[in-house]
Amino acid sequence: MSRIGKQPIIIPDNIDVKINDNLILVKGPRGELQETIHPDVSVEIKDKEIILKNNNNSAIWGTMRSLIFNLIKGVSDGFEKKLIYEGVGYKAILQGKKLVLSLGYSHPIEIEAPHGIEFKIEKNTITISGINKQLVGQVAADIRSKRKPEPYKGKGIRYENEIIRRKTGKKAAGSE
């Protein structure tokens, strides 16, 4: 049984949660989100707490609890991911809601911000923020995939806390 699924989710005062059939709707100061409830899980609200029950010994119980918790955290605090770009001539520019990257290719790469996502640029750091955790992570992964960090010089786009394993270059031949 899931240890995460057993824990109740506390609803903050500024958050409104409604359950309609198999849909949970969460409204807060930053916006509103919704999630479909899996049929193997039942959800009920008691005394400012959301309690989940596992109906068919399903493994989705803990996942549903995490998804609902992320909805509440998203509409109250929001989520953000930071990407760092390194390399000679690499730069990022904001043009309205569009992120334009120069990453050593013959053309600039333009990335349009999906609805609910915001970009910020400071020095060599791109900050992606929004209320939907899954969307923030997917946009960050898409941007990183445009130029993954390489192991020799570390050039490319990496997450803020990502550690790149560096390789040594070729050794000179015939030196004894």
N, C-alpha and C. Protein backbone atom coordinates (compact mmCIF):
# COMPACT_ATOMS: atom_id res chain seq x y z
N MET A 1 0.84 -1.20 0.00
CA MET A 1 0.00 0.00 0.00
C MET A 1 0.87 1.25 0.00
N SER A 2 0.34 2.28 -0.62
CA SER A 2 1.07 3.53 -0.74
C SER A 2 1.08 4.30 0.57
N ARG A 3 2.27 4.71 0.98
CA ARG A 3 2.37 5.54 2.18
C ARG A 3 1.97 6.97 1.86
N ILE A 4 2.22 7.39 0.62
CA ILE A 4 1.85 8.75 0.21
C ILE A 4 0.33 8.86 0.12
N GLY A 5 -0.33 7.85 -0.42
CA GLY A 5 -1.77 7.88 -0.59
C GLY A 5 -2.53 7.98 0.72
N LYS A 6 -1.95 7.49 1.82
CA LYS A 6 -2.61 7.52 3.13
C LYS A 6 -2.67 8.93 3.71
N GLN A 7 -1.71 9.78 3.34
CA GLN A 7 -1.62 11.12 3.94
C GLN A 7 -2.74 12.02 3.42
N PRO A 8 -3.46 12.69 4.32
CA PRO A 8 -4.48 13.64 3.86
C PRO A 8 -3.82 14.91 3.31
N ILE A 9 -4.53 15.59 2.42
CA ILE A 9 -4.04 16.84 1.84
C ILE A 9 -4.78 17.98 2.54
N ILE A 10 -4.06 18.87 3.17
CA ILE A 10 -4.66 20.00 3.87
C ILE A 10 -4.93 21.11 2.86
N ILE A 11 -6.16 21.64 2.88
CA ILE A 11 -6.56 22.70 1.96
C ILE A 11 -6.32 24.05 2.65
N PRO A 12 -5.46 24.92 2.08
CA PRO A 12 -5.25 26.25 2.66
C PRO A 12 -6.54 27.09 2.60
N ASP A 13 -6.57 28.19 3.38
CA ASP A 13 -7.77 29.02 3.47
C ASP A 13 -8.13 29.70 2.15
N ASN A 14 -7.14 30.08 1.35
CA ASN A 14 -7.41 30.83 0.13
C ASN A 14 -7.67 29.94 -1.09
N ILE A 15 -7.83 28.63 -0.89
CA ILE A 15 -8.03 27.68 -1.98
C ILE A 15 -9.45 27.10 -1.90
N ASP A 16 -10.10 26.99 -3.06
CA ASP A 16 -11.45 26.44 -3.14
C ASP A 16 -11.38 25.14 -3.95
N VAL A 17 -11.85 24.03 -3.36
CA VAL A 17 -11.80 22.73 -4.02
C VAL A 17 -13.22 22.19 -4.20
N LYS A 18 -13.55 21.75 -5.42
CA LYS A 18 -14.85 21.15 -5.71
C LYS A 18 -14.66 19.83 -6.42
N ILE A 19 -15.50 18.86 -6.09
CA ILE A 19 -15.45 17.55 -6.73
C ILE A 19 -16.77 17.33 -7.46
N ASN A 20 -16.70 17.09 -8.76
CA ASN A 20 -17.87 16.80 -9.59
C ASN A 20 -17.64 15.46 -10.27
N ASP A 21 -18.40 14.45 -9.90
CA ASP A 21 -18.28 13.10 -10.46
C ASP A 21 -16.82 12.63 -10.43
N ASN A 22 -16.15 12.60 -11.59
CA ASN A 22 -14.76 12.13 -11.64
C ASN A 22 -13.80 13.27 -11.95
N LEU A 23 -14.14 14.51 -11.56
CA LEU A 23 -13.31 15.67 -11.84
C LEU A 23 -13.12 16.48 -10.57
N ILE A 24 -11.87 16.88 -10.30
CA ILE A 24 -11.60 17.74 -9.16
C ILE A 24 -11.15 19.10 -9.70
N LEU A 25 -11.78 20.17 -9.20
CA LEU A 25 -11.50 21.53 -9.65
C LEU A 25 -10.94 22.32 -8.48
N VAL A 26 -9.77 22.94 -8.69
CA VAL A 26 -9.09 23.69 -7.63
C VAL A 26 -8.91 25.13 -8.10
N LYS A 27 -9.43 26.09 -7.29
CA LYS A 27 -9.29 27.52 -7.60
C LYS A 27 -8.47 28.18 -6.52
N GLY A 28 -7.58 29.09 -6.94
CA GLY A 28 -6.74 29.80 -5.98
C GLY A 28 -6.37 31.17 -6.51
N PRO A 29 -5.50 31.88 -5.80
CA PRO A 29 -5.12 33.23 -6.21
C PRO A 29 -4.39 33.30 -7.55
N ARG A 30 -3.72 32.25 -7.97
CA ARG A 30 -2.96 32.27 -9.23
C ARG A 30 -3.75 31.74 -10.42
N GLY A 31 -4.92 31.12 -10.18
CA GLY A 31 -5.71 30.60 -11.29
C GLY A 31 -6.49 29.37 -10.86
N GLU A 32 -6.90 28.59 -11.84
CA GLU A 32 -7.62 27.36 -11.53
C GLU A 32 -7.12 26.20 -12.39
N LEU A 33 -7.13 25.01 -11.80
CA LEU A 33 -6.69 23.78 -12.46
C LEU A 33 -7.70 22.68 -12.19
N GLN A 34 -7.70 21.68 -13.06
CA GLN A 34 -8.57 20.54 -12.84
C GLN A 34 -7.86 19.26 -13.22
N GLU A 35 -8.31 18.16 -12.64
CA GLU A 35 -7.70 16.85 -12.89
C GLU A 35 -8.81 15.80 -12.86
N THR A 36 -8.71 14.81 -13.73
CA THR A 36 -9.66 13.71 -13.75
C THR A 36 -9.26 12.70 -12.68
N ILE A 37 -10.23 12.28 -11.89
CA ILE A 37 -9.98 11.31 -10.82
C ILE A 37 -10.09 9.90 -11.39
N HIS A 38 -9.10 9.09 -11.12
CA HIS A 38 -9.09 7.70 -11.61
C HIS A 38 -10.24 6.92 -10.95
N PRO A 39 -10.91 6.01 -11.69
CA PRO A 39 -12.05 5.28 -11.12
C PRO A 39 -11.69 4.38 -9.92
N ASP A 40 -10.43 3.96 -9.80
CA ASP A 40 -10.04 3.10 -8.68
C ASP A 40 -9.80 3.88 -7.39
N VAL A 41 -9.93 5.21 -7.43
CA VAL A 41 -9.67 6.05 -6.26
C VAL A 41 -10.91 6.88 -5.98
N SER A 42 -11.33 6.92 -4.70
CA SER A 42 -12.43 7.81 -4.32
C SER A 42 -11.87 8.96 -3.50
N VAL A 43 -12.40 10.17 -3.74
CA VAL A 43 -11.91 11.38 -3.10
C VAL A 43 -13.05 12.04 -2.35
N GLU A 44 -12.79 12.45 -1.11
CA GLU A 44 -13.80 13.19 -0.35
C GLU A 44 -13.14 14.29 0.46
N ILE A 45 -13.93 15.34 0.73
CA ILE A 45 -13.43 16.49 1.49
C ILE A 45 -14.08 16.47 2.87
N LYS A 46 -13.24 16.51 3.92
CA LYS A 46 -13.71 16.56 5.31
C LYS A 46 -12.88 17.55 6.08
N ASP A 47 -13.50 18.56 6.67
CA ASP A 47 -12.83 19.51 7.57
C ASP A 47 -11.55 20.09 6.98
N LYS A 48 -11.65 20.71 5.80
CA LYS A 48 -10.50 21.34 5.13
C LYS A 48 -9.37 20.35 4.82
N GLU A 49 -9.71 19.09 4.63
CA GLU A 49 -8.75 18.06 4.23
C GLU A 49 -9.34 17.22 3.11
N ILE A 50 -8.47 16.82 2.19
CA ILE A 50 -8.87 15.91 1.12
C ILE A 50 -8.35 14.53 1.49
N ILE A 51 -9.25 13.56 1.52
CA ILE A 51 -8.88 12.18 1.88
C ILE A 51 -9.15 11.29 0.68
N LEU A 52 -8.13 10.49 0.31
CA LEU A 52 -8.26 9.56 -0.80
C LEU A 52 -8.38 8.15 -0.27
N LYS A 53 -9.22 7.36 -0.92
CA LYS A 53 -9.38 5.95 -0.55
C LYS A 53 -9.13 5.10 -1.77
N ASN A 54 -8.41 4.00 -1.56
CA ASN A 54 -8.07 3.07 -2.62
C ASN A 54 -9.18 2.04 -2.71
N ASN A 55 -9.89 1.97 -3.86
CA ASN A 55 -11.03 1.07 -4.00
C ASN A 55 -10.63 -0.35 -4.41
N ASN A 56 -9.68 -0.51 -5.31
CA ASN A 56 -9.34 -1.83 -5.87
C ASN A 56 -7.88 -2.19 -5.68
N ASN A 57 -7.26 -1.79 -4.57
CA ASN A 57 -5.83 -2.03 -4.34
C ASN A 57 -5.01 -1.63 -5.56
N SER A 58 -5.32 -0.47 -6.10
CA SER A 58 -4.67 0.03 -7.31
C SER A 58 -3.38 0.77 -6.96
N ALA A 59 -2.42 0.71 -7.86
CA ALA A 59 -1.15 1.40 -7.66
C ALA A 59 -1.25 2.90 -7.96
N ILE A 60 -2.39 3.34 -8.49
CA ILE A 60 -2.55 4.74 -8.90
C ILE A 60 -2.90 5.64 -7.71
N TRP A 61 -3.14 5.06 -6.55
CA TRP A 61 -3.58 5.78 -5.36
C TRP A 61 -2.60 6.88 -4.96
N GLY A 62 -1.34 6.57 -4.81
CA GLY A 62 -0.33 7.55 -4.43
C GLY A 62 -0.11 8.59 -5.51
N THR A 63 -0.21 8.17 -6.78
CA THR A 63 -0.06 9.10 -7.89
C THR A 63 -1.18 10.14 -7.89
N MET A 64 -2.41 9.70 -7.65
CA MET A 64 -3.54 10.63 -7.61
C MET A 64 -3.38 11.63 -6.47
N ARG A 65 -2.88 11.17 -5.33
CA ARG A 65 -2.67 12.06 -4.19
C ARG A 65 -1.64 13.13 -4.55
N SER A 66 -0.55 12.72 -5.22
CA SER A 66 0.49 13.67 -5.62
C SER A 66 -0.04 14.67 -6.66
N LEU A 67 -0.86 14.20 -7.60
CA LEU A 67 -1.42 15.09 -8.62
C LEU A 67 -2.33 16.15 -7.99
N ILE A 68 -3.18 15.73 -7.04
CA ILE A 68 -4.08 16.66 -6.37
C ILE A 68 -3.28 17.64 -5.51
N PHE A 69 -2.24 17.16 -4.82
CA PHE A 69 -1.39 18.03 -4.02
C PHE A 69 -0.72 19.08 -4.90
N ASN A 70 -0.25 18.67 -6.09
CA ASN A 70 0.41 19.59 -7.01
C ASN A 70 -0.57 20.63 -7.57
N LEU A 71 -1.85 20.26 -7.72
CA LEU A 71 -2.86 21.23 -8.14
C LEU A 71 -2.98 22.34 -7.09
N ILE A 72 -3.07 21.95 -5.84
CA ILE A 72 -3.23 22.91 -4.74
C ILE A 72 -1.98 23.78 -4.61
N LYS A 73 -0.80 23.18 -4.68
CA LYS A 73 0.45 23.95 -4.58
C LYS A 73 0.60 24.89 -5.77
N GLY A 74 0.17 24.47 -6.95
CA GLY A 74 0.29 25.28 -8.15
C GLY A 74 -0.57 26.53 -8.10
N VAL A 75 -1.82 26.40 -7.67
CA VAL A 75 -2.70 27.58 -7.65
C VAL A 75 -2.41 28.50 -6.47
N SER A 76 -1.67 28.01 -5.47
CA SER A 76 -1.32 28.88 -4.34
C SER A 76 0.07 29.50 -4.52
N ASP A 77 1.09 28.68 -4.83
CA ASP A 77 2.47 29.16 -4.92
C ASP A 77 3.00 29.20 -6.35
N GLY A 78 2.64 28.23 -7.16
CA GLY A 78 3.18 28.12 -8.51
C GLY A 78 4.45 27.29 -8.52
N PHE A 79 4.93 26.97 -9.71
CA PHE A 79 6.15 26.19 -9.89
C PHE A 79 7.10 26.93 -10.80
N GLU A 80 8.39 26.65 -10.66
CA GLU A 80 9.37 27.22 -11.58
C GLU A 80 10.56 26.28 -11.74
N LYS A 81 11.14 26.34 -12.92
CA LYS A 81 12.37 25.60 -13.23
C LYS A 81 13.35 26.60 -13.81
N LYS A 82 14.62 26.41 -13.48
CA LYS A 82 15.66 27.31 -14.00
C LYS A 82 16.61 26.51 -14.88
N LEU A 83 16.92 27.09 -16.03
CA LEU A 83 17.87 26.51 -16.97
C LEU A 83 19.03 27.48 -17.12
N ILE A 84 20.24 26.92 -17.20
CA ILE A 84 21.44 27.73 -17.38
C ILE A 84 22.04 27.36 -18.74
N TYR A 85 22.34 28.38 -19.54
CA TYR A 85 22.97 28.11 -20.83
C TYR A 85 24.41 28.62 -20.79
N GLU A 86 25.33 27.79 -21.31
CA GLU A 86 26.76 28.11 -21.33
C GLU A 86 27.30 27.83 -22.72
N GLY A 87 28.11 28.71 -23.21
CA GLY A 87 28.75 28.51 -24.50
C GLY A 87 29.07 29.85 -25.14
N VAL A 88 30.10 29.88 -25.96
CA VAL A 88 30.52 31.11 -26.63
C VAL A 88 29.45 31.51 -27.64
N GLY A 89 28.93 32.71 -27.50
CA GLY A 89 27.93 33.22 -28.42
C GLY A 89 26.51 32.77 -28.12
N TYR A 90 26.29 31.98 -27.09
CA TYR A 90 24.94 31.53 -26.75
C TYR A 90 24.21 32.68 -26.06
N LYS A 91 22.97 32.93 -26.48
CA LYS A 91 22.20 33.97 -25.81
C LYS A 91 20.71 33.68 -25.94
N ALA A 92 19.95 34.29 -25.03
CA ALA A 92 18.50 34.15 -25.03
C ALA A 92 17.88 35.54 -24.95
N ILE A 93 16.82 35.75 -25.71
CA ILE A 93 16.14 37.05 -25.76
C ILE A 93 14.64 36.79 -25.67
N LEU A 94 13.93 37.67 -24.95
CA LEU A 94 12.48 37.60 -24.91
C LEU A 94 11.90 38.60 -25.90
N GLN A 95 11.00 38.11 -26.76
CA GLN A 95 10.27 38.98 -27.69
C GLN A 95 8.78 38.77 -27.41
N GLY A 96 8.24 39.59 -26.52
CA GLY A 96 6.85 39.41 -26.10
C GLY A 96 6.76 38.15 -25.25
N LYS A 97 5.94 37.17 -25.69
CA LYS A 97 5.83 35.90 -24.98
C LYS A 97 6.68 34.81 -25.65
N LYS A 98 7.54 35.21 -26.58
CA LYS A 98 8.35 34.28 -27.34
C LYS A 98 9.79 34.32 -26.84
N LEU A 99 10.39 33.15 -26.66
CA LEU A 99 11.79 33.03 -26.26
C LEU A 99 12.61 32.72 -27.52
N VAL A 100 13.61 33.55 -27.80
CA VAL A 100 14.46 33.35 -28.98
C VAL A 100 15.86 32.98 -28.48
N LEU A 101 16.33 31.79 -28.89
CA LEU A 101 17.62 31.26 -28.45
C LEU A 101 18.61 31.24 -29.61
N SER A 102 19.82 31.70 -29.34
CA SER A 102 20.94 31.56 -30.28
C SER A 102 21.90 30.57 -29.64
N LEU A 103 21.96 29.37 -30.20
CA LEU A 103 22.71 28.28 -29.57
C LEU A 103 23.79 27.70 -30.49
N GLY A 104 24.35 28.52 -31.37
CA GLY A 104 25.42 28.04 -32.22
C GLY A 104 24.95 27.41 -33.51
N TYR A 105 23.65 27.38 -33.76
CA TYR A 105 23.13 26.89 -35.03
C TYR A 105 23.13 28.04 -36.03
N SER A 106 22.85 27.75 -37.29
CA SER A 106 22.83 28.77 -38.33
C SER A 106 21.57 29.64 -38.26
N HIS A 107 20.63 29.26 -37.39
CA HIS A 107 19.38 30.00 -37.28
C HIS A 107 18.99 30.13 -35.80
N PRO A 108 18.24 31.17 -35.46
CA PRO A 108 17.76 31.27 -34.08
C PRO A 108 16.59 30.31 -33.85
N ILE A 109 16.45 29.84 -32.62
CA ILE A 109 15.36 28.92 -32.26
C ILE A 109 14.33 29.72 -31.49
N GLU A 110 13.07 29.71 -31.98
CA GLU A 110 11.99 30.44 -31.33
C GLU A 110 11.07 29.47 -30.64
N ILE A 111 10.76 29.77 -29.36
CA ILE A 111 9.87 28.93 -28.57
C ILE A 111 8.75 29.81 -28.05
N GLU A 112 7.52 29.49 -28.45
CA GLU A 112 6.34 30.23 -28.02
C GLU A 112 5.91 29.71 -26.64
N ALA A 113 5.62 30.62 -25.71
CA ALA A 113 5.19 30.22 -24.37
C ALA A 113 3.76 29.70 -24.43
N PRO A 114 3.51 28.46 -23.98
CA PRO A 114 2.13 27.96 -23.93
C PRO A 114 1.30 28.78 -22.93
N HIS A 115 -0.01 28.64 -23.01
CA HIS A 115 -0.90 29.36 -22.09
C HIS A 115 -0.58 28.97 -20.64
N GLY A 116 -0.34 29.97 -19.80
CA GLY A 116 -0.05 29.71 -18.39
C GLY A 116 1.43 29.62 -18.07
N ILE A 117 2.29 29.77 -19.06
CA ILE A 117 3.74 29.68 -18.84
C ILE A 117 4.36 31.06 -19.07
N GLU A 118 5.33 31.40 -18.22
CA GLU A 118 6.00 32.69 -18.30
C GLU A 118 7.51 32.46 -18.32
N PHE A 119 8.22 33.21 -19.18
CA PHE A 119 9.68 33.14 -19.24
C PHE A 119 10.28 34.39 -18.63
N LYS A 120 11.43 34.23 -17.95
CA LYS A 120 12.22 35.36 -17.46
C LYS A 120 13.68 35.04 -17.76
N ILE A 121 14.46 36.06 -18.11
CA ILE A 121 15.87 35.86 -18.41
C ILE A 121 16.70 36.80 -17.55
N GLU A 122 17.70 36.24 -16.85
CA GLU A 122 18.65 37.01 -16.05
C GLU A 122 20.04 36.45 -16.32
N LYS A 123 20.93 37.27 -16.85
CA LYS A 123 22.29 36.86 -17.23
C LYS A 123 22.23 35.62 -18.11
N ASN A 124 22.72 34.48 -17.63
CA ASN A 124 22.68 33.27 -18.45
C ASN A 124 21.69 32.25 -17.90
N THR A 125 20.61 32.71 -17.24
CA THR A 125 19.61 31.84 -16.65
C THR A 125 18.23 32.13 -17.23
N ILE A 126 17.54 31.06 -17.63
CA ILE A 126 16.16 31.16 -18.11
C ILE A 126 15.27 30.57 -17.03
N THR A 127 14.28 31.33 -16.56
CA THR A 127 13.35 30.85 -15.55
C THR A 127 12.00 30.60 -16.22
N ILE A 128 11.48 29.38 -16.07
CA ILE A 128 10.18 29.01 -16.61
C ILE A 128 9.25 28.86 -15.42
N SER A 129 8.14 29.61 -15.40
CA SER A 129 7.23 29.54 -14.26
C SER A 129 5.79 29.41 -14.74
N GLY A 130 4.96 28.80 -13.87
CA GLY A 130 3.55 28.60 -14.17
C GLY A 130 2.88 27.87 -13.03
N ILE A 131 1.57 27.60 -13.17
CA ILE A 131 0.84 26.93 -12.10
C ILE A 131 0.73 25.42 -12.32
N ASN A 132 0.96 24.96 -13.54
CA ASN A 132 0.84 23.54 -13.86
C ASN A 132 2.24 22.91 -13.84
N LYS A 133 2.51 22.06 -12.85
CA LYS A 133 3.84 21.47 -12.67
C LYS A 133 4.27 20.65 -13.89
N GLN A 134 3.34 19.89 -14.43
CA GLN A 134 3.66 19.04 -15.58
C GLN A 134 4.04 19.88 -16.80
N LEU A 135 3.30 20.95 -17.05
CA LEU A 135 3.58 21.81 -18.20
C LEU A 135 4.89 22.56 -18.04
N VAL A 136 5.19 23.05 -16.82
CA VAL A 136 6.46 23.74 -16.56
C VAL A 136 7.63 22.80 -16.83
N GLY A 137 7.54 21.57 -16.33
CA GLY A 137 8.61 20.59 -16.54
C GLY A 137 8.77 20.21 -17.99
N GLN A 138 7.66 20.09 -18.73
CA GLN A 138 7.73 19.71 -20.14
C GLN A 138 8.35 20.82 -20.98
N VAL A 139 7.98 22.07 -20.71
CA VAL A 139 8.55 23.20 -21.46
C VAL A 139 10.06 23.29 -21.17
N ALA A 140 10.45 23.11 -19.91
CA ALA A 140 11.88 23.14 -19.56
C ALA A 140 12.64 22.02 -20.27
N ALA A 141 12.05 20.84 -20.33
CA ALA A 141 12.70 19.72 -21.02
C ALA A 141 12.81 19.98 -22.52
N ASP A 142 11.79 20.61 -23.11
CA ASP A 142 11.84 20.94 -24.54
C ASP A 142 12.93 21.95 -24.84
N ILE A 143 13.07 22.96 -23.98
CA ILE A 143 14.12 23.97 -24.19
C ILE A 143 15.49 23.32 -24.03
N ARG A 144 15.67 22.48 -23.01
CA ARG A 144 16.95 21.80 -22.79
C ARG A 144 17.32 20.92 -23.97
N SER A 145 16.32 20.29 -24.61
CA SER A 145 16.59 19.38 -25.72
C SER A 145 17.12 20.10 -26.97
N LYS A 146 16.99 21.42 -27.03
CA LYS A 146 17.48 22.16 -28.18
C LYS A 146 19.01 22.15 -28.25
N ARG A 147 19.69 22.07 -27.10
CA ARG A 147 21.15 21.95 -27.07
C ARG A 147 21.53 21.35 -25.72
N LYS A 148 21.57 20.02 -25.66
CA LYS A 148 21.93 19.34 -24.41
C LYS A 148 23.39 19.62 -24.07
N PRO A 149 23.73 19.61 -22.78
CA PRO A 149 25.12 19.88 -22.41
C PRO A 149 26.04 18.75 -22.87
N GLU A 150 27.19 19.13 -23.40
CA GLU A 150 28.13 18.12 -23.85
C GLU A 150 29.19 17.88 -22.77
N PRO A 151 29.75 16.67 -22.70
CA PRO A 151 30.59 16.30 -21.55
C PRO A 151 32.02 16.81 -21.57
N TYR A 152 32.49 17.41 -22.67
CA TYR A 152 33.89 17.82 -22.72
C TYR A 152 34.11 19.25 -22.22
N LYS A 153 33.33 20.19 -22.71
CA LYS A 153 33.47 21.57 -22.26
C LYS A 153 32.28 22.04 -21.44
N GLY A 154 31.20 21.26 -21.41
CA GLY A 154 30.02 21.62 -20.64
C GLY A 154 29.12 22.63 -21.33
N LYS A 155 29.32 22.85 -22.64
CA LYS A 155 28.50 23.80 -23.37
C LYS A 155 27.10 23.23 -23.58
N GLY A 156 26.10 24.11 -23.56
CA GLY A 156 24.73 23.68 -23.79
C GLY A 156 23.79 24.24 -22.74
N ILE A 157 22.59 23.67 -22.69
CA ILE A 157 21.58 24.10 -21.72
C ILE A 157 21.40 23.00 -20.69
N ARG A 158 21.49 23.38 -19.41
CA ARG A 158 21.33 22.40 -18.33
C ARG A 158 20.41 22.98 -17.26
N TYR A 159 19.86 22.08 -16.43
CA TYR A 159 19.06 22.52 -15.30
C TYR A 159 19.97 23.18 -14.27
N GLU A 160 19.40 24.00 -13.40
CA GLU A 160 20.18 24.77 -12.43
C GLU A 160 21.00 23.86 -11.51
N ASN A 161 20.42 22.77 -11.03
CA ASN A 161 21.14 21.91 -10.08
C ASN A 161 21.69 20.64 -10.73
N GLU A 162 21.71 20.59 -12.06
CA GLU A 162 22.22 19.42 -12.78
C GLU A 162 23.75 19.43 -12.79
N ILE A 163 24.32 18.28 -12.56
CA ILE A 163 25.78 18.14 -12.57
C ILE A 163 26.17 17.37 -13.83
N ILE A 164 27.01 17.98 -14.63
CA ILE A 164 27.46 17.36 -15.88
C ILE A 164 28.75 16.60 -15.60
N ARG A 165 28.75 15.31 -15.89
CA ARG A 165 29.98 14.51 -15.71
C ARG A 165 30.93 14.86 -16.84
N ARG A 166 32.07 15.39 -16.48
CA ARG A 166 33.04 15.84 -17.49
C ARG A 166 33.96 14.69 -17.87
N LYS A 167 34.29 14.64 -19.15
CA LYS A 167 35.25 13.67 -19.65
C LYS A 167 36.54 14.37 -19.97
N THR A 168 37.64 13.64 -19.88
CA THR A 168 38.93 14.23 -20.26
C THR A 168 39.07 14.10 -21.76
N GLY A 169 39.79 15.01 -22.36
CA GLY A 169 40.02 15.01 -23.78
C GLY A 169 41.05 13.94 -24.16
N LYS A 170 41.37 13.86 -25.43
CA LYS A 170 42.33 12.86 -25.90
C LYS A 170 43.73 13.21 -25.39
N LYS A 171 44.49 12.18 -25.08
CA LYS A 171 45.88 12.37 -24.62
C LYS A 171 46.79 12.40 -25.85
N ALA A 172 47.90 13.10 -25.71
CA ALA A 172 48.86 13.15 -26.82
C ALA A 172 49.51 11.78 -27.00
N ALA A 173 49.62 11.32 -28.24
CA ALA A 173 50.14 9.99 -28.52
C ALA A 173 51.68 10.02 -28.46
N GLY A 174 52.29 8.92 -28.02
CA GLY A 174 53.73 8.74 -28.05
C GLY A 174 54.47 9.42 -26.91
N SER A 175 53.79 9.91 -25.93
CA SER A 175 54.50 10.54 -24.80
C SER A 175 54.72 9.49 -23.71
N GLU A 176 55.98 9.17 -23.48
CA GLU A 176 56.30 8.17 -22.46
C GLU A 176 57.23 8.73 -21.43
